[in-house]
Full PDB file with SEQRES, HELIX, SHEET, SSBOND, CRYST1, ORIGX, SCALE, CONECT and MASTER records, all heavy atoms in Angstrom:
SEQRES   1 A   27  LEU GLU PRO HIS GLY LEU LYS PHE ARG GLN TRP PRO ARG          
SEQRES   2 A   27  LEU PRO LYS GLU TRP SER ARG LEU ALA PHE ARG VAL GLU          
SEQRES   3 A   27  TRP                                                          
CRYST1    1.000    1.000    1.000  90.00  90.00  90.00 P 1           1          
ORIGX1      1.000000  0.000000  0.000000        0.00000                         
ORIGX2      0.000000  1.000000  0.000000        0.00000                         
ORIGX3      0.000000  0.000000  1.000000        0.00000                         
SCALE1      1.000000  0.000000  0.000000        0.00000                         
SCALE2      0.000000  1.000000  0.000000        0.00000                         
SCALE3      0.000000  0.000000  1.000000        0.00000                         
ATOM      1  N   LEU A   1       0.858  -1.192   0.000  1.00  0.00           N  
ATOM      2  CA  LEU A   1       0.000   0.000   0.000  1.00  0.00           C  
ATOM      3  C   LEU A   1       0.886   1.229   0.000  1.00  0.00           C  
ATOM      4  O   LEU A   1       1.547   1.534   0.992  1.00  0.00           O  
ATOM      5  CB  LEU A   1      -0.928  -0.002   1.220  1.00  0.00           C  
ATOM      6  CG  LEU A   1      -2.242  -0.782   1.063  1.00  0.00           C  
ATOM      7  CD1 LEU A   1      -1.974  -2.265   0.896  1.00  0.00           C  
ATOM      8  CD2 LEU A   1      -3.160  -0.557   2.252  1.00  0.00           C  
ATOM      9  N   GLU A   2       0.927   1.919  -1.116  1.00  0.00           N  
ATOM     10  CA  GLU A   2       1.811   3.065  -1.307  1.00  0.00           C  
ATOM     11  C   GLU A   2       1.006   4.360  -1.227  1.00  0.00           C  
ATOM     12  O   GLU A   2      -0.232   4.344  -1.349  1.00  0.00           O  
ATOM     13  CB  GLU A   2       2.501   2.959  -2.673  1.00  0.00           C  
ATOM     14  CG  GLU A   2       3.283   1.672  -2.887  1.00  0.00           C  
ATOM     15  CD  GLU A   2       4.554   1.620  -2.065  1.00  0.00           C  
ATOM     16  OE1 GLU A   2       4.983   2.674  -1.550  1.00  0.00           O  
ATOM     17  OE2 GLU A   2       5.119   0.511  -1.914  1.00  0.00           O  
ATOM     18  N   PRO A   3       1.670   5.514  -1.068  1.00  0.00           N  
ATOM     19  CA  PRO A   3       0.942   6.781  -0.984  1.00  0.00           C  
ATOM     20  C   PRO A   3       0.057   7.062  -2.190  1.00  0.00           C  
ATOM     21  O   PRO A   3      -0.987   7.708  -2.058  1.00  0.00           O  
ATOM     22  CB  PRO A   3       2.061   7.821  -0.871  1.00  0.00           C  
ATOM     23  CG  PRO A   3       3.209   7.076  -0.277  1.00  0.00           C  
ATOM     24  CD  PRO A   3       3.113   5.683  -0.833  1.00  0.00           C  
ATOM     25  N   HIS A   4       0.432   6.564  -3.375  1.00  0.00           N  
ATOM     26  CA  HIS A   4      -0.309   6.876  -4.585  1.00  0.00           C  
ATOM     27  C   HIS A   4      -1.166   5.717  -5.086  1.00  0.00           C  
ATOM     28  O   HIS A   4      -1.725   5.803  -6.191  1.00  0.00           O  
ATOM     29  CB  HIS A   4       0.657   7.320  -5.682  1.00  0.00           C  
ATOM     30  CG  HIS A   4       1.500   8.499  -5.286  1.00  0.00           C  
ATOM     31  ND1 HIS A   4       0.969   9.739  -5.035  1.00  0.00           N  
ATOM     32  CD2 HIS A   4       2.823   8.602  -5.052  1.00  0.00           C  
ATOM     33  CE1 HIS A   4       1.937  10.567  -4.685  1.00  0.00           C  
ATOM     34  NE2 HIS A   4       3.070   9.909  -4.685  1.00  0.00           N  
ATOM     35  N   GLY A   5      -1.274   4.650  -4.295  1.00  0.00           N  
ATOM     36  CA  GLY A   5      -2.142   3.559  -4.706  1.00  0.00           C  
ATOM     37  C   GLY A   5      -1.640   2.206  -4.258  1.00  0.00           C  
ATOM     38  O   GLY A   5      -0.567   2.084  -3.662  1.00  0.00           O  
ATOM     39  N   LEU A   6      -2.436   1.173  -4.547  1.00  0.00           N  
ATOM     40  CA  LEU A   6      -2.013  -0.194  -4.274  1.00  0.00           C  
ATOM     41  C   LEU A   6      -1.047  -0.633  -5.367  1.00  0.00           C  
ATOM     42  O   LEU A   6      -1.254  -0.352  -6.543  1.00  0.00           O  
ATOM     43  CB  LEU A   6      -3.215  -1.147  -4.250  1.00  0.00           C  
ATOM     44  CG  LEU A   6      -4.019  -1.188  -2.950  1.00  0.00           C  
ATOM     45  CD1 LEU A   6      -4.896   0.044  -2.829  1.00  0.00           C  
ATOM     46  CD2 LEU A   6      -4.884  -2.440  -2.900  1.00  0.00           C  
ATOM     47  N   LYS A   7      -0.010  -1.330  -4.942  1.00  0.00           N  
ATOM     48  CA  LYS A   7       1.012  -1.752  -5.901  1.00  0.00           C  
ATOM     49  C   LYS A   7       1.315  -3.226  -5.700  1.00  0.00           C  
ATOM     50  O   LYS A   7       1.492  -3.687  -4.575  1.00  0.00           O  
ATOM     51  CB  LYS A   7       2.283  -0.928  -5.703  1.00  0.00           C  
ATOM     52  CG  LYS A   7       3.445  -1.348  -6.586  1.00  0.00           C  
ATOM     53  CD  LYS A   7       4.682  -0.504  -6.290  1.00  0.00           C  
ATOM     54  CE  LYS A   7       5.873  -0.939  -7.117  1.00  0.00           C  
ATOM     55  NZ  LYS A   7       7.084  -0.138  -6.806  1.00  0.00           N  
ATOM     56  N   PHE A   8       1.360  -3.959  -6.799  1.00  0.00           N  
ATOM     57  CA  PHE A   8       1.859  -5.327  -6.765  1.00  0.00           C  
ATOM     58  C   PHE A   8       3.320  -5.277  -7.217  1.00  0.00           C  
ATOM     59  O   PHE A   8       3.610  -4.855  -8.336  1.00  0.00           O  
ATOM     60  CB  PHE A   8       1.040  -6.243  -7.683  1.00  0.00           C  
ATOM     61  CG  PHE A   8      -0.356  -6.473  -7.185  1.00  0.00           C  
ATOM     62  CD1 PHE A   8      -1.400  -5.644  -7.582  1.00  0.00           C  
ATOM     63  CD2 PHE A   8      -0.629  -7.506  -6.304  1.00  0.00           C  
ATOM     64  CE1 PHE A   8      -2.685  -5.840  -7.114  1.00  0.00           C  
ATOM     65  CE2 PHE A   8      -1.915  -7.702  -5.823  1.00  0.00           C  
ATOM     66  CZ  PHE A   8      -2.948  -6.875  -6.230  1.00  0.00           C  
ATOM     67  N   ARG A   9       4.227  -5.669  -6.347  1.00  0.00           N  
ATOM     68  CA  ARG A   9       5.650  -5.551  -6.655  1.00  0.00           C  
ATOM     69  C   ARG A   9       6.032  -6.434  -7.833  1.00  0.00           C  
ATOM     70  O   ARG A   9       6.945  -6.125  -8.589  1.00  0.00           O  
ATOM     71  CB  ARG A   9       6.477  -5.906  -5.426  1.00  0.00           C  
ATOM     72  CG  ARG A   9       6.243  -4.932  -4.284  1.00  0.00           C  
ATOM     73  CD  ARG A   9       7.144  -5.207  -3.104  1.00  0.00           C  
ATOM     74  NE  ARG A   9       6.929  -4.178  -2.082  1.00  0.00           N  
ATOM     75  CZ  ARG A   9       7.523  -3.003  -2.065  1.00  0.00           C  
ATOM     76  NH1 ARG A   9       8.371  -2.690  -3.033  1.00  0.00           N  
ATOM     77  NH2 ARG A   9       7.281  -2.118  -1.111  1.00  0.00           N  
ATOM     78  N   GLN A  10       5.347  -7.545  -7.957  1.00  0.00           N  
ATOM     79  CA  GLN A  10       5.472  -8.420  -9.121  1.00  0.00           C  
ATOM     80  C   GLN A  10       4.222  -9.304  -9.125  1.00  0.00           C  
ATOM     81  O   GLN A  10       3.374  -9.199  -8.257  1.00  0.00           O  
ATOM     82  CB  GLN A  10       6.754  -9.247  -9.056  1.00  0.00           C  
ATOM     83  CG  GLN A  10       6.954 -10.027  -7.765  1.00  0.00           C  
ATOM     84  CD  GLN A  10       8.343 -10.611  -7.655  1.00  0.00           C  
ATOM     85  OE1 GLN A  10       8.999 -10.889  -8.643  1.00  0.00           O  
ATOM     86  NE2 GLN A  10       8.814 -10.805  -6.432  1.00  0.00           N  
ATOM     87  N   TRP A  11       4.096 -10.136 -10.129  1.00  0.00           N  
ATOM     88  CA  TRP A  11       2.922 -10.997 -10.183  1.00  0.00           C  
ATOM     89  C   TRP A  11       2.878 -11.877  -8.943  1.00  0.00           C  
ATOM     90  O   TRP A  11       3.879 -12.441  -8.543  1.00  0.00           O  
ATOM     91  CB  TRP A  11       2.955 -11.871 -11.433  1.00  0.00           C  
ATOM     92  CG  TRP A  11       1.669 -12.608 -11.631  1.00  0.00           C  
ATOM     93  CD1 TRP A  11       1.390 -13.886 -11.289  1.00  0.00           C  
ATOM     94  CD2 TRP A  11       0.459 -12.080 -12.198  1.00  0.00           C  
ATOM     95  NE1 TRP A  11       0.089 -14.205 -11.600  1.00  0.00           N  
ATOM     96  CE2 TRP A  11      -0.508 -13.111 -12.157  1.00  0.00           C  
ATOM     97  CE3 TRP A  11       0.095 -10.847 -12.735  1.00  0.00           C  
ATOM     98  CZ2 TRP A  11      -1.807 -12.950 -12.631  1.00  0.00           C  
ATOM     99  CZ3 TRP A  11      -1.191 -10.695 -13.208  1.00  0.00           C  
ATOM    100  CH2 TRP A  11      -2.136 -11.745 -13.160  1.00  0.00           C  
ATOM    101  N   PRO A  12       1.692 -11.974  -8.270  1.00  0.00           N  
ATOM    102  CA  PRO A  12       1.593 -12.801  -7.064  1.00  0.00           C  
ATOM    103  C   PRO A  12       2.080 -14.230  -7.298  1.00  0.00           C  
ATOM    104  O   PRO A  12       1.927 -14.782  -8.398  1.00  0.00           O  
ATOM    105  CB  PRO A  12       0.094 -12.774  -6.744  1.00  0.00           C  
ATOM    106  CG  PRO A  12      -0.373 -11.473  -7.309  1.00  0.00           C  
ATOM    107  CD  PRO A  12       0.420 -11.277  -8.560  1.00  0.00           C  
ATOM    108  N   ARG A  13       2.646 -14.793  -6.243  1.00  0.00           N  
ATOM    109  CA  ARG A  13       3.207 -16.143  -6.328  1.00  0.00           C  
ATOM    110  C   ARG A  13       2.581 -16.993  -5.234  1.00  0.00           C  
ATOM    111  O   ARG A  13       2.817 -16.766  -4.042  1.00  0.00           O  
ATOM    112  CB  ARG A  13       4.716 -16.094  -6.145  1.00  0.00           C  
ATOM    113  CG  ARG A  13       5.442 -15.383  -7.286  1.00  0.00           C  
ATOM    114  CD  ARG A  13       6.886 -15.086  -6.916  1.00  0.00           C  
ATOM    115  NE  ARG A  13       7.685 -14.792  -8.088  1.00  0.00           N  
ATOM    116  CZ  ARG A  13       8.913 -14.302  -8.057  1.00  0.00           C  
ATOM    117  NH1 ARG A  13       9.484 -14.058  -6.892  1.00  0.00           N  
ATOM    118  NH2 ARG A  13       9.579 -14.062  -9.165  1.00  0.00           N  
ATOM    119  N   LEU A  14       1.782 -17.961  -5.616  1.00  0.00           N  
ATOM    120  CA  LEU A  14       1.166 -18.853  -4.639  1.00  0.00           C  
ATOM    121  C   LEU A  14       1.948 -20.154  -4.559  1.00  0.00           C  
ATOM    122  O   LEU A  14       2.424 -20.661  -5.575  1.00  0.00           O  
ATOM    123  CB  LEU A  14      -0.278 -19.160  -5.029  1.00  0.00           C  
ATOM    124  CG  LEU A  14      -1.267 -17.989  -5.088  1.00  0.00           C  
ATOM    125  CD1 LEU A  14      -2.683 -18.525  -5.286  1.00  0.00           C  
ATOM    126  CD2 LEU A  14      -1.182 -17.130  -3.831  1.00  0.00           C  
ATOM    127  N   PRO A  15       2.060 -20.727  -3.368  1.00  0.00           N  
ATOM    128  CA  PRO A  15       2.647 -22.067  -3.267  1.00  0.00           C  
ATOM    129  C   PRO A  15       1.798 -23.066  -4.051  1.00  0.00           C  
ATOM    130  O   PRO A  15       0.590 -22.858  -4.244  1.00  0.00           O  
ATOM    131  CB  PRO A  15       2.589 -22.364  -1.765  1.00  0.00           C  
ATOM    132  CG  PRO A  15       2.375 -21.046  -1.102  1.00  0.00           C  
ATOM    133  CD  PRO A  15       1.635 -20.190  -2.077  1.00  0.00           C  
ATOM    134  N   LYS A  16       2.404 -24.129  -4.490  1.00  0.00           N  
ATOM    135  CA  LYS A  16       1.681 -25.124  -5.299  1.00  0.00           C  
ATOM    136  C   LYS A  16       0.549 -25.760  -4.510  1.00  0.00           C  
ATOM    137  O   LYS A  16      -0.412 -26.280  -5.092  1.00  0.00           O  
ATOM    138  CB  LYS A  16       2.645 -26.198  -5.816  1.00  0.00           C  
ATOM    139  CG  LYS A  16       3.340 -27.015  -4.757  1.00  0.00           C  
ATOM    140  CD  LYS A  16       4.280 -28.045  -5.392  1.00  0.00           C  
ATOM    141  CE  LYS A  16       4.959 -28.925  -4.370  1.00  0.00           C  
ATOM    142  NZ  LYS A  16       5.866 -28.165  -3.476  1.00  0.00           N  
ATOM    143  N   GLU A  17       0.624 -25.692  -3.167  1.00  0.00           N  
ATOM    144  CA  GLU A  17      -0.424 -26.281  -2.331  1.00  0.00           C  
ATOM    145  C   GLU A  17      -1.679 -25.409  -2.273  1.00  0.00           C  
ATOM    146  O   GLU A  17      -2.717 -25.853  -1.793  1.00  0.00           O  
ATOM    147  CB  GLU A  17       0.092 -26.482  -0.902  1.00  0.00           C  
ATOM    148  CG  GLU A  17       1.182 -27.528  -0.761  1.00  0.00           C  
ATOM    149  CD  GLU A  17       2.572 -26.956  -1.029  1.00  0.00           C  
ATOM    150  OE1 GLU A  17       2.686 -25.758  -1.413  1.00  0.00           O  
ATOM    151  OE2 GLU A  17       3.548 -27.712  -0.862  1.00  0.00           O  
ATOM    152  N   TRP A  18      -1.589 -24.163  -2.744  1.00  0.00           N  
ATOM    153  CA  TRP A  18      -2.701 -23.225  -2.670  1.00  0.00           C  
ATOM    154  C   TRP A  18      -3.338 -23.044  -4.043  1.00  0.00           C  
ATOM    155  O   TRP A  18      -2.647 -22.906  -5.044  1.00  0.00           O  
ATOM    156  CB  TRP A  18      -2.240 -21.862  -2.177  1.00  0.00           C  
ATOM    157  CG  TRP A  18      -1.685 -21.838  -0.786  1.00  0.00           C  
ATOM    158  CD1 TRP A  18      -1.378 -22.906   0.015  1.00  0.00           C  
ATOM    159  CD2 TRP A  18      -1.344 -20.661  -0.041  1.00  0.00           C  
ATOM    160  NE1 TRP A  18      -0.875 -22.478   1.214  1.00  0.00           N  
ATOM    161  CE2 TRP A  18      -0.840 -21.106   1.209  1.00  0.00           C  
ATOM    162  CE3 TRP A  18      -1.418 -19.300  -0.299  1.00  0.00           C  
ATOM    163  CZ2 TRP A  18      -0.406 -20.217   2.195  1.00  0.00           C  
ATOM    164  CZ3 TRP A  18      -0.996 -18.416   0.683  1.00  0.00           C  
ATOM    165  CH2 TRP A  18      -0.498 -18.868   1.917  1.00  0.00           C  
ATOM    166  N   SER A  19      -4.648 -23.003  -4.065  1.00  0.00           N  
ATOM    167  CA  SER A  19      -5.352 -22.687  -5.310  1.00  0.00           C  
ATOM    168  C   SER A  19      -5.857 -21.250  -5.325  1.00  0.00           C  
ATOM    169  O   SER A  19      -6.110 -20.674  -6.388  1.00  0.00           O  
ATOM    170  CB  SER A  19      -6.535 -23.643  -5.515  1.00  0.00           C  
ATOM    171  OG  SER A  19      -7.452 -23.524  -4.432  1.00  0.00           O  
ATOM    172  N   ARG A  20      -5.986 -20.640  -4.135  1.00  0.00           N  
ATOM    173  CA  ARG A  20      -6.571 -19.306  -4.074  1.00  0.00           C  
ATOM    174  C   ARG A  20      -6.139 -18.615  -2.784  1.00  0.00           C  
ATOM    175  O   ARG A  20      -5.992 -19.253  -1.747  1.00  0.00           O  
ATOM    176  CB  ARG A  20      -8.090 -19.413  -4.116  1.00  0.00           C  
ATOM    177  CG  ARG A  20      -8.831 -18.085  -4.079  1.00  0.00           C  
ATOM    178  CD  ARG A  20     -10.335 -18.309  -3.965  1.00  0.00           C  
ATOM    179  NE  ARG A  20     -11.069 -17.039  -3.927  1.00  0.00           N  
ATOM    180  CZ  ARG A  20     -12.251 -16.881  -3.341  1.00  0.00           C  
ATOM    181  NH1 ARG A  20     -12.844 -17.912  -2.757  1.00  0.00           N  
ATOM    182  NH2 ARG A  20     -12.853 -15.709  -3.345  1.00  0.00           N  
ATOM    183  N   LEU A  21      -5.954 -17.290  -2.888  1.00  0.00           N  
ATOM    184  CA  LEU A  21      -5.690 -16.438  -1.729  1.00  0.00           C  
ATOM    185  C   LEU A  21      -6.544 -15.186  -1.898  1.00  0.00           C  
ATOM    186  O   LEU A  21      -6.399 -14.472  -2.900  1.00  0.00           O  
ATOM    187  CB  LEU A  21      -4.207 -16.067  -1.659  1.00  0.00           C  
ATOM    188  CG  LEU A  21      -3.820 -14.974  -0.652  1.00  0.00           C  
ATOM    189  CD1 LEU A  21      -4.152 -15.420   0.770  1.00  0.00           C  
ATOM    190  CD2 LEU A  21      -2.346 -14.624  -0.784  1.00  0.00           C  
ATOM    191  N   ALA A  22      -7.450 -14.938  -0.961  1.00  0.00           N  
ATOM    192  CA  ALA A  22      -8.325 -13.767  -1.043  1.00  0.00           C  
ATOM    193  C   ALA A  22      -8.301 -13.024   0.280  1.00  0.00           C  
ATOM    194  O   ALA A  22      -8.249 -13.642   1.353  1.00  0.00           O  
ATOM    195  CB  ALA A  22      -9.750 -14.174  -1.399  1.00  0.00           C  
ATOM    196  N   PHE A  23      -8.311 -11.693   0.215  1.00  0.00           N  
ATOM    197  CA  PHE A  23      -8.287 -10.877   1.426  1.00  0.00           C  
ATOM    198  C   PHE A  23      -8.801  -9.485   1.092  1.00  0.00           C  
ATOM    199  O   PHE A  23      -8.913  -9.094  -0.075  1.00  0.00           O  
ATOM    200  CB  PHE A  23      -6.861 -10.801   2.011  1.00  0.00           C  
ATOM    201  CG  PHE A  23      -5.831 -10.319   1.029  1.00  0.00           C  
ATOM    202  CD1 PHE A  23      -5.556  -8.971   0.883  1.00  0.00           C  
ATOM    203  CD2 PHE A  23      -5.129 -11.232   0.250  1.00  0.00           C  
ATOM    204  CE1 PHE A  23      -4.609  -8.521  -0.016  1.00  0.00           C  
ATOM    205  CE2 PHE A  23      -4.174 -10.789  -0.666  1.00  0.00           C  
ATOM    206  CZ  PHE A  23      -3.913  -9.433  -0.799  1.00  0.00           C  
ATOM    207  N   ARG A  24      -9.091  -8.740   2.154  1.00  0.00           N  
ATOM    208  CA  ARG A  24      -9.584  -7.377   2.017  1.00  0.00           C  
ATOM    209  C   ARG A  24      -8.598  -6.420   2.659  1.00  0.00           C  
ATOM    210  O   ARG A  24      -8.053  -6.694   3.732  1.00  0.00           O  
ATOM    211  CB  ARG A  24     -10.954  -7.234   2.715  1.00  0.00           C  
ATOM    212  CG  ARG A  24     -11.515  -5.823   2.775  1.00  0.00           C  
ATOM    213  CD  ARG A  24     -12.670  -5.764   3.760  1.00  0.00           C  
ATOM    214  NE  ARG A  24     -13.152  -4.415   3.961  1.00  0.00           N  
ATOM    215  CZ  ARG A  24     -12.594  -3.510   4.781  1.00  0.00           C  
ATOM    216  NH1 ARG A  24     -11.503  -3.820   5.451  1.00  0.00           N  
ATOM    217  NH2 ARG A  24     -13.115  -2.302   4.922  1.00  0.00           N  
ATOM    218  N   VAL A  25      -8.353  -5.311   1.987  1.00  0.00           N  
ATOM    219  CA  VAL A  25      -7.552  -4.240   2.573  1.00  0.00           C  
ATOM    220  C   VAL A  25      -8.294  -2.928   2.380  1.00  0.00           C  
ATOM    221  O   VAL A  25      -9.292  -2.856   1.665  1.00  0.00           O  
ATOM    222  CB  VAL A  25      -6.143  -4.161   1.930  1.00  0.00           C  
ATOM    223  CG1 VAL A  25      -5.324  -5.384   2.262  1.00  0.00           C  
ATOM    224  CG2 VAL A  25      -6.230  -3.941   0.429  1.00  0.00           C  
ATOM    225  N   GLU A  26      -7.787  -1.889   3.053  1.00  0.00           N  
ATOM    226  CA  GLU A  26      -8.365  -0.555   2.898  1.00  0.00           C  
ATOM    227  C   GLU A  26      -7.244   0.409   2.537  1.00  0.00           C  
ATOM    228  O   GLU A  26      -6.201   0.432   3.210  1.00  0.00           O  
ATOM    229  CB  GLU A  26      -9.047  -0.113   4.190  1.00  0.00           C  
ATOM    230  CG  GLU A  26      -9.759   1.226   4.076  1.00  0.00           C  
ATOM    231  CD  GLU A  26     -10.562   1.578   5.311  1.00  0.00           C  
ATOM    232  OE1 GLU A  26     -11.334   0.703   5.775  1.00  0.00           O  
ATOM    233  OE2 GLU A  26     -10.410   2.696   5.825  1.00  0.00           O  
ATOM    234  N   TRP A  27      -7.427   1.177   1.483  1.00  0.00           N  
ATOM    235  CA  TRP A  27      -6.433   2.156   1.061  1.00  0.00           C  
ATOM    236  C   TRP A  27      -7.105   3.526   0.965  1.00  0.00           C  
ATOM    237  O   TRP A  27      -8.053   3.697   0.196  1.00  0.00           O  
ATOM    238  CB  TRP A  27      -5.823   1.780  -0.293  1.00  0.00           C  
ATOM    239  CG  TRP A  27      -4.789   2.765  -0.756  1.00  0.00           C  
ATOM    240  CD1 TRP A  27      -3.478   2.805  -0.400  1.00  0.00           C  
ATOM    241  CD2 TRP A  27      -5.000   3.874  -1.641  1.00  0.00           C  
ATOM    242  NE1 TRP A  27      -2.854   3.869  -1.006  1.00  0.00           N  
ATOM    243  CE2 TRP A  27      -3.759   4.546  -1.773  1.00  0.00           C  
ATOM    244  CE3 TRP A  27      -6.108   4.367  -2.331  1.00  0.00           C  
ATOM    245  CZ2 TRP A  27      -3.602   5.684  -2.564  1.00  0.00           C  
ATOM    246  CZ3 TRP A  27      -5.957   5.504  -3.121  1.00  0.00           C  
ATOM    247  CH2 TRP A  27      -4.718   6.139  -3.237  1.00  0.00           C  
TER     248      TRP A  27                                                      
MASTER        0    0    0    0    0    0    0    6  247    1    0    3          
END                                                                             
């Protein structure tokens, strides 16, 4: 969460054991 917006530093990387990761944030 940066001053000018949400930033993904690179494409998300999930472990092979995970099919999905979902969460809520506030910016």
